Amino acid sequence: MFIELKKYFLLGTLIFLLFSCGKIKRENPHDPDGCNFQGPVVTITSPLGNGKIIGEVNLAGRAIDPQEGNIIDDSRFLWISDIDGKLFSGRTKYSPGVKHYNNLTTEGKHVVTLQVKDEDGNIGYAKVKFTFKSYGSL
């Protein structure tokens, strides 16, 4: 009889775990349903894609998470070039009144990805393609 009860208990536990997403509460105020597997919606606002950029590249983006809203923590933004690798962390590379240096070092066709992580660890991303030429190659 004990073995019979144990089988039913294990079967019931398995069924509960399989169908309980959204009913198990995690202690996360940004994910009250316990089922947030979606990353933030990421938008690159500069540069516009498929263009030619000469000299400095103004990179800017934003991210909105369904649970958090606007993400403004610069440490959760990562810009990566398919040619030059990691460029920098932050929402934008340029701020008014502050001189910045271009992190792109290789001329050619770049695909730059902006990755943003929300507080739950989910990652959203956006990509932009453009051709980069330095001032010296003109």
N, C-alpha and C. Protein backbone atom coordinates (compact mmCIF):
# COMPACT_ATOMS: atom_id res chain seq x y z
N MET A 1 0.82 -1.19 0.00
CA MET A 1 0.00 0.00 0.00
C MET A 1 0.87 1.27 0.00
N PHE A 2 1.95 1.22 0.78
CA PHE A 2 2.85 2.37 0.84
C PHE A 2 3.46 2.67 -0.53
N ILE A 3 3.86 1.64 -1.25
CA ILE A 3 4.45 1.83 -2.59
C ILE A 3 3.42 2.40 -3.54
N GLU A 4 2.19 1.95 -3.43
CA GLU A 4 1.10 2.47 -4.27
C GLU A 4 0.90 3.97 -4.02
N LEU A 5 0.88 4.40 -2.78
CA LEU A 5 0.73 5.82 -2.44
C LEU A 5 1.92 6.63 -2.93
N LYS A 6 3.10 6.05 -2.82
CA LYS A 6 4.31 6.75 -3.27
C LYS A 6 4.26 7.00 -4.77
N LYS A 7 3.79 6.01 -5.55
CA LYS A 7 3.67 6.20 -7.00
C LYS A 7 2.70 7.33 -7.33
N TYR A 8 1.55 7.36 -6.66
CA TYR A 8 0.57 8.41 -6.92
C TYR A 8 1.10 9.79 -6.50
N PHE A 9 1.83 9.82 -5.41
CA PHE A 9 2.41 11.08 -4.96
C PHE A 9 3.42 11.60 -5.99
N LEU A 10 4.29 10.72 -6.47
CA LEU A 10 5.29 11.13 -7.47
C LEU A 10 4.62 11.55 -8.77
N LEU A 11 3.60 10.82 -9.19
CA LEU A 11 2.88 11.17 -10.41
C LEU A 11 2.18 12.52 -10.25
N GLY A 12 1.55 12.75 -9.12
CA GLY A 12 0.89 14.03 -8.87
C GLY A 12 1.88 15.18 -8.82
N THR A 13 3.03 14.96 -8.20
CA THR A 13 4.07 15.99 -8.15
C THR A 13 4.57 16.33 -9.54
N LEU A 14 4.80 15.33 -10.36
CA LEU A 14 5.26 15.54 -11.73
C LEU A 14 4.23 16.33 -12.54
N ILE A 15 2.98 15.97 -12.45
CA ILE A 15 1.92 16.70 -13.17
C ILE A 15 1.84 18.14 -12.68
N PHE A 16 1.93 18.35 -11.38
CA PHE A 16 1.91 19.71 -10.83
C PHE A 16 3.05 20.54 -11.38
N LEU A 17 4.25 19.99 -11.40
CA LEU A 17 5.41 20.74 -11.89
C LEU A 17 5.30 21.04 -13.38
N LEU A 18 4.74 20.13 -14.15
CA LEU A 18 4.61 20.34 -15.58
C LEU A 18 3.61 21.44 -15.93
N PHE A 19 2.56 21.57 -15.14
CA PHE A 19 1.49 22.50 -15.48
C PHE A 19 1.37 23.69 -14.54
N SER A 20 2.36 23.94 -13.72
CA SER A 20 2.22 24.99 -12.71
C SER A 20 2.85 26.33 -13.08
N CYS A 21 3.46 26.48 -14.25
CA CYS A 21 4.10 27.75 -14.60
C CYS A 21 3.06 28.87 -14.52
N GLY A 22 3.37 29.90 -13.74
CA GLY A 22 2.43 30.99 -13.52
C GLY A 22 1.73 30.88 -12.19
N LYS A 23 1.74 29.70 -11.59
CA LYS A 23 1.10 29.52 -10.30
C LYS A 23 2.12 29.48 -9.16
N ILE A 24 3.37 29.11 -9.49
CA ILE A 24 4.42 29.13 -8.48
C ILE A 24 4.95 30.55 -8.41
N LYS A 25 4.89 31.15 -7.26
CA LYS A 25 5.31 32.53 -7.10
C LYS A 25 6.79 32.59 -6.77
N ARG A 26 7.54 33.34 -7.57
CA ARG A 26 8.93 33.61 -7.26
C ARG A 26 8.98 34.94 -6.55
N GLU A 27 9.99 35.15 -5.80
CA GLU A 27 10.13 36.42 -5.10
C GLU A 27 10.82 37.42 -6.00
N ASN A 28 10.12 37.84 -7.03
CA ASN A 28 10.66 38.81 -7.97
C ASN A 28 9.55 39.80 -8.30
N PRO A 29 9.67 41.05 -7.87
CA PRO A 29 8.59 42.01 -8.11
C PRO A 29 8.38 42.34 -9.57
N HIS A 30 9.38 42.07 -10.42
CA HIS A 30 9.25 42.36 -11.84
C HIS A 30 8.62 41.21 -12.61
N ASP A 31 8.43 40.10 -11.96
CA ASP A 31 7.88 38.92 -12.62
C ASP A 31 6.86 38.24 -11.71
N PRO A 32 5.72 38.88 -11.47
CA PRO A 32 4.76 38.33 -10.51
C PRO A 32 4.16 37.00 -10.95
N ASP A 33 4.15 36.69 -12.24
CA ASP A 33 3.58 35.43 -12.69
C ASP A 33 4.56 34.28 -12.60
N GLY A 34 5.85 34.58 -12.45
CA GLY A 34 6.86 33.54 -12.35
C GLY A 34 7.21 32.89 -13.67
N CYS A 35 6.79 33.47 -14.79
CA CYS A 35 7.05 32.85 -16.09
C CYS A 35 7.66 33.82 -17.09
N ASN A 36 8.47 34.75 -16.64
CA ASN A 36 9.05 35.70 -17.58
C ASN A 36 10.29 35.11 -18.22
N PHE A 37 10.15 34.70 -19.45
CA PHE A 37 11.28 34.20 -20.20
C PHE A 37 11.58 35.10 -21.38
N GLN A 38 10.91 36.24 -21.46
CA GLN A 38 11.07 37.15 -22.58
C GLN A 38 12.05 38.25 -22.20
N GLY A 39 12.99 38.51 -23.08
CA GLY A 39 13.94 39.59 -22.85
C GLY A 39 13.33 40.93 -23.19
N PRO A 40 14.04 41.99 -22.88
CA PRO A 40 13.54 43.32 -23.19
C PRO A 40 13.48 43.56 -24.70
N VAL A 41 12.62 44.50 -25.09
CA VAL A 41 12.53 44.91 -26.49
C VAL A 41 13.59 45.99 -26.69
N VAL A 42 14.55 45.72 -27.57
CA VAL A 42 15.71 46.60 -27.77
C VAL A 42 15.59 47.29 -29.12
N THR A 43 15.89 48.60 -29.13
CA THR A 43 15.85 49.39 -30.35
C THR A 43 17.15 50.18 -30.48
N ILE A 44 17.78 50.10 -31.63
CA ILE A 44 18.95 50.95 -31.92
C ILE A 44 18.42 52.20 -32.60
N THR A 45 18.64 53.35 -31.96
CA THR A 45 18.13 54.61 -32.50
C THR A 45 19.14 55.33 -33.37
N SER A 46 20.41 54.97 -33.26
CA SER A 46 21.45 55.55 -34.10
C SER A 46 22.63 54.59 -34.14
N PRO A 47 23.17 54.33 -35.32
CA PRO A 47 22.85 54.86 -36.63
C PRO A 47 21.70 54.08 -37.27
N LEU A 48 21.14 54.65 -38.31
CA LEU A 48 20.15 53.93 -39.10
C LEU A 48 20.89 52.91 -39.96
N GLY A 49 20.26 51.82 -40.27
CA GLY A 49 20.93 50.73 -40.95
C GLY A 49 21.19 50.95 -42.42
N ASN A 50 22.11 50.15 -42.92
CA ASN A 50 22.47 50.04 -44.34
C ASN A 50 23.05 51.32 -44.94
N GLY A 51 23.63 52.18 -44.11
CA GLY A 51 24.24 53.40 -44.62
C GLY A 51 25.75 53.32 -44.59
N LYS A 52 26.37 54.41 -45.05
CA LYS A 52 27.82 54.54 -44.98
C LYS A 52 28.13 55.61 -43.95
N ILE A 53 29.06 55.28 -43.06
CA ILE A 53 29.44 56.21 -42.00
C ILE A 53 30.92 56.49 -42.12
N ILE A 54 31.26 57.76 -42.16
CA ILE A 54 32.65 58.17 -42.27
C ILE A 54 33.04 58.86 -40.97
N GLY A 55 34.13 58.40 -40.37
CA GLY A 55 34.62 59.03 -39.15
C GLY A 55 34.01 58.42 -37.91
N GLU A 56 33.40 59.25 -37.08
CA GLU A 56 32.86 58.79 -35.81
C GLU A 56 31.46 58.22 -35.98
N VAL A 57 31.19 57.16 -35.24
CA VAL A 57 29.89 56.49 -35.28
C VAL A 57 29.15 56.81 -33.99
N ASN A 58 27.99 57.42 -34.12
CA ASN A 58 27.16 57.72 -32.96
C ASN A 58 26.24 56.53 -32.71
N LEU A 59 26.53 55.76 -31.66
CA LEU A 59 25.72 54.60 -31.33
C LEU A 59 24.78 54.96 -30.18
N ALA A 60 23.51 54.70 -30.35
CA ALA A 60 22.53 54.98 -29.30
C ALA A 60 21.40 53.96 -29.40
N GLY A 61 20.85 53.60 -28.24
CA GLY A 61 19.76 52.64 -28.22
C GLY A 61 18.96 52.76 -26.94
N ARG A 62 17.85 52.02 -26.92
CA ARG A 62 16.99 52.00 -25.74
C ARG A 62 16.40 50.60 -25.61
N ALA A 63 15.89 50.31 -24.40
CA ALA A 63 15.29 49.00 -24.14
C ALA A 63 14.11 49.16 -23.21
N ILE A 64 13.05 48.42 -23.51
CA ILE A 64 11.86 48.41 -22.68
C ILE A 64 11.56 46.96 -22.32
N ASP A 65 11.41 46.72 -21.02
CA ASP A 65 11.11 45.39 -20.52
C ASP A 65 9.64 45.33 -20.11
N PRO A 66 8.94 44.24 -20.41
CA PRO A 66 7.52 44.15 -20.04
C PRO A 66 7.27 44.32 -18.54
N GLN A 67 8.19 43.87 -17.71
CA GLN A 67 8.00 43.97 -16.27
C GLN A 67 8.58 45.26 -15.69
N GLU A 68 9.75 45.69 -16.15
CA GLU A 68 10.45 46.83 -15.58
C GLU A 68 10.09 48.17 -16.20
N GLY A 69 9.69 48.14 -17.45
CA GLY A 69 9.53 49.39 -18.19
C GLY A 69 10.85 49.77 -18.83
N ASN A 70 11.12 51.08 -18.94
CA ASN A 70 12.36 51.55 -19.56
C ASN A 70 13.56 51.11 -18.73
N ILE A 71 14.54 50.53 -19.39
CA ILE A 71 15.78 50.15 -18.72
C ILE A 71 16.77 51.29 -18.92
N ILE A 72 17.26 51.84 -17.82
CA ILE A 72 18.17 53.00 -17.92
C ILE A 72 19.55 52.71 -17.31
N ASP A 73 19.75 51.55 -16.75
CA ASP A 73 21.03 51.19 -16.15
C ASP A 73 22.03 50.88 -17.27
N ASP A 74 23.00 51.78 -17.45
CA ASP A 74 23.98 51.64 -18.54
C ASP A 74 24.77 50.34 -18.48
N SER A 75 24.96 49.78 -17.30
CA SER A 75 25.76 48.57 -17.17
C SER A 75 25.09 47.35 -17.80
N ARG A 76 23.81 47.46 -18.12
CA ARG A 76 23.09 46.32 -18.72
C ARG A 76 23.03 46.40 -20.24
N PHE A 77 23.65 47.42 -20.84
CA PHE A 77 23.71 47.59 -22.29
C PHE A 77 25.12 47.22 -22.76
N LEU A 78 25.22 46.38 -23.78
CA LEU A 78 26.51 45.98 -24.32
C LEU A 78 26.46 46.07 -25.84
N TRP A 79 27.41 46.82 -26.41
CA TRP A 79 27.52 47.00 -27.85
C TRP A 79 28.66 46.11 -28.36
N ILE A 80 28.37 45.33 -29.42
CA ILE A 80 29.35 44.39 -29.96
C ILE A 80 29.37 44.52 -31.49
N SER A 81 30.58 44.61 -32.05
CA SER A 81 30.75 44.60 -33.50
C SER A 81 31.16 43.21 -33.93
N ASP A 82 30.64 42.76 -35.07
CA ASP A 82 31.03 41.45 -35.57
C ASP A 82 32.49 41.43 -36.01
N ILE A 83 33.09 42.61 -36.26
CA ILE A 83 34.49 42.69 -36.69
C ILE A 83 35.41 43.07 -35.53
N ASP A 84 35.05 44.12 -34.79
CA ASP A 84 35.93 44.66 -33.74
C ASP A 84 35.63 44.13 -32.34
N GLY A 85 34.61 43.30 -32.17
CA GLY A 85 34.30 42.74 -30.86
C GLY A 85 33.57 43.72 -29.97
N LYS A 86 33.78 43.59 -28.65
CA LYS A 86 33.09 44.44 -27.67
C LYS A 86 33.52 45.89 -27.87
N LEU A 87 32.52 46.76 -27.97
CA LEU A 87 32.80 48.19 -28.17
C LEU A 87 32.74 48.96 -26.86
N PHE A 88 31.62 48.86 -26.14
CA PHE A 88 31.46 49.56 -24.86
C PHE A 88 30.14 49.14 -24.22
N SER A 89 29.96 49.55 -22.97
CA SER A 89 28.70 49.34 -22.26
C SER A 89 28.03 50.69 -22.07
N GLY A 90 26.72 50.72 -22.23
CA GLY A 90 25.96 51.95 -22.02
C GLY A 90 24.92 52.14 -23.08
N ARG A 91 23.97 53.05 -22.80
CA ARG A 91 22.89 53.30 -23.74
C ARG A 91 23.37 54.05 -24.97
N THR A 92 24.34 54.94 -24.79
CA THR A 92 24.82 55.73 -25.92
C THR A 92 26.31 55.97 -25.77
N LYS A 93 26.98 56.18 -26.86
CA LYS A 93 28.42 56.45 -26.84
C LYS A 93 28.70 57.93 -26.74
N TYR A 94 27.76 58.76 -27.11
CA TYR A 94 27.99 60.20 -27.16
C TYR A 94 27.05 60.94 -26.22
N SER A 95 27.59 61.85 -25.46
CA SER A 95 26.81 62.71 -24.58
C SER A 95 27.15 64.15 -24.91
N PRO A 96 26.20 65.08 -24.82
CA PRO A 96 26.49 66.47 -25.13
C PRO A 96 27.63 67.00 -24.24
N GLY A 97 28.59 67.66 -24.86
CA GLY A 97 29.67 68.28 -24.11
C GLY A 97 30.78 67.34 -23.68
N VAL A 98 30.69 66.08 -24.02
CA VAL A 98 31.72 65.12 -23.63
C VAL A 98 32.34 64.54 -24.89
N LYS A 99 33.67 64.58 -24.97
CA LYS A 99 34.36 64.05 -26.15
C LYS A 99 34.55 62.55 -25.98
N HIS A 100 34.16 61.81 -26.98
CA HIS A 100 34.33 60.36 -26.97
C HIS A 100 35.14 59.96 -28.18
N TYR A 101 35.72 58.81 -28.11
CA TYR A 101 36.51 58.29 -29.22
C TYR A 101 35.80 57.10 -29.83
N ASN A 102 35.92 56.99 -31.11
CA ASN A 102 35.27 55.92 -31.84
C ASN A 102 35.93 54.58 -31.48
N ASN A 103 35.14 53.60 -31.12
CA ASN A 103 35.68 52.28 -30.79
C ASN A 103 35.82 51.38 -32.01
N LEU A 104 35.26 51.76 -33.13
CA LEU A 104 35.43 50.96 -34.34
C LEU A 104 36.83 51.23 -34.88
N THR A 105 37.57 50.17 -35.15
CA THR A 105 38.94 50.33 -35.64
C THR A 105 39.13 49.76 -37.04
N THR A 106 38.21 48.94 -37.48
CA THR A 106 38.36 48.26 -38.75
C THR A 106 37.36 48.81 -39.76
N GLU A 107 37.87 49.21 -40.91
CA GLU A 107 36.96 49.67 -41.97
C GLU A 107 36.26 48.47 -42.59
N GLY A 108 35.05 48.73 -43.11
CA GLY A 108 34.32 47.68 -43.79
C GLY A 108 32.88 47.61 -43.34
N LYS A 109 32.24 46.50 -43.74
CA LYS A 109 30.83 46.30 -43.41
C LYS A 109 30.72 45.69 -42.02
N HIS A 110 30.08 46.42 -41.13
CA HIS A 110 29.90 45.99 -39.74
C HIS A 110 28.45 45.59 -39.49
N VAL A 111 28.29 44.63 -38.61
CA VAL A 111 27.00 44.34 -37.99
C VAL A 111 27.22 44.60 -36.50
N VAL A 112 26.57 45.63 -35.98
CA VAL A 112 26.71 45.97 -34.57
C VAL A 112 25.45 45.51 -33.85
N THR A 113 25.66 44.80 -32.75
CA THR A 113 24.57 44.26 -31.94
C THR A 113 24.53 44.99 -30.61
N LEU A 114 23.33 45.38 -30.21
CA LEU A 114 23.11 45.92 -28.88
C LEU A 114 22.38 44.85 -28.08
N GLN A 115 23.04 44.36 -27.01
CA GLN A 115 22.44 43.37 -26.11
C GLN A 115 22.08 44.06 -24.81
N VAL A 116 20.87 43.81 -24.32
CA VAL A 116 20.42 44.40 -23.06
C VAL A 116 19.86 43.28 -22.19
N LYS A 117 20.29 43.28 -20.93
CA LYS A 117 19.85 42.26 -19.97
C LYS A 117 18.88 42.90 -18.98
N ASP A 118 17.73 42.23 -18.74
CA ASP A 118 16.79 42.74 -17.74
C ASP A 118 17.17 42.20 -16.36
N GLU A 119 16.42 42.61 -15.33
CA GLU A 119 16.75 42.20 -13.97
C GLU A 119 16.58 40.71 -13.72
N ASP A 120 15.83 40.04 -14.59
CA ASP A 120 15.65 38.60 -14.47
C ASP A 120 16.74 37.82 -15.18
N GLY A 121 17.64 38.53 -15.88
CA GLY A 121 18.71 37.87 -16.62
C GLY A 121 18.36 37.54 -18.06
N ASN A 122 17.16 37.90 -18.50
CA ASN A 122 16.76 37.67 -19.89
C ASN A 122 17.45 38.70 -20.78
N ILE A 123 17.83 38.29 -21.98
CA ILE A 123 18.56 39.17 -22.89
C ILE A 123 17.73 39.43 -24.14
N GLY A 124 17.64 40.72 -24.49
CA GLY A 124 17.05 41.12 -25.76
C GLY A 124 18.14 41.77 -26.59
N TYR A 125 17.96 41.79 -27.89
CA TYR A 125 18.99 42.40 -28.72
C TYR A 125 18.40 42.99 -29.99
N ALA A 126 19.19 43.90 -30.57
CA ALA A 126 18.87 44.48 -31.88
C ALA A 126 20.19 44.59 -32.64
N LYS A 127 20.10 44.57 -33.96
CA LYS A 127 21.30 44.65 -34.80
C LYS A 127 21.12 45.75 -35.83
N VAL A 128 22.25 46.34 -36.22
CA VAL A 128 22.26 47.33 -37.28
C VAL A 128 23.47 47.05 -38.18
N LYS A 129 23.27 47.20 -39.49
CA LYS A 129 24.35 46.99 -40.46
C LYS A 129 24.71 48.32 -41.08
N PHE A 130 26.01 48.56 -41.25
CA PHE A 130 26.47 49.76 -41.94
C PHE A 130 27.90 49.55 -42.40
N THR A 131 28.34 50.41 -43.30
CA THR A 131 29.72 50.39 -43.78
C THR A 131 30.47 51.53 -43.12
N PHE A 132 31.61 51.21 -42.53
CA PHE A 132 32.41 52.21 -41.79
C PHE A 132 33.69 52.51 -42.54
N LYS A 133 33.99 53.81 -42.67
CA LYS A 133 35.27 54.28 -43.21
C LYS A 133 35.82 55.31 -42.25
N SER A 134 37.14 55.24 -42.01
CA SER A 134 37.75 56.23 -41.12
C SER A 134 38.06 57.51 -41.89
N TYR A 135 38.30 58.61 -41.12
CA TYR A 135 38.64 59.88 -41.76
C TYR A 135 39.91 59.76 -42.60
N GLY A 136 40.85 58.95 -42.15
CA GLY A 136 42.15 58.83 -42.82
C GLY A 136 42.09 58.16 -44.17
N SER A 137 41.02 57.44 -44.48
CA SER A 137 40.94 56.72 -45.74
C SER A 137 40.30 57.52 -46.87
N LEU A 138 39.97 58.77 -46.59
CA LEU A 138 39.31 59.58 -47.63
C LEU A 138 40.27 60.06 -48.65
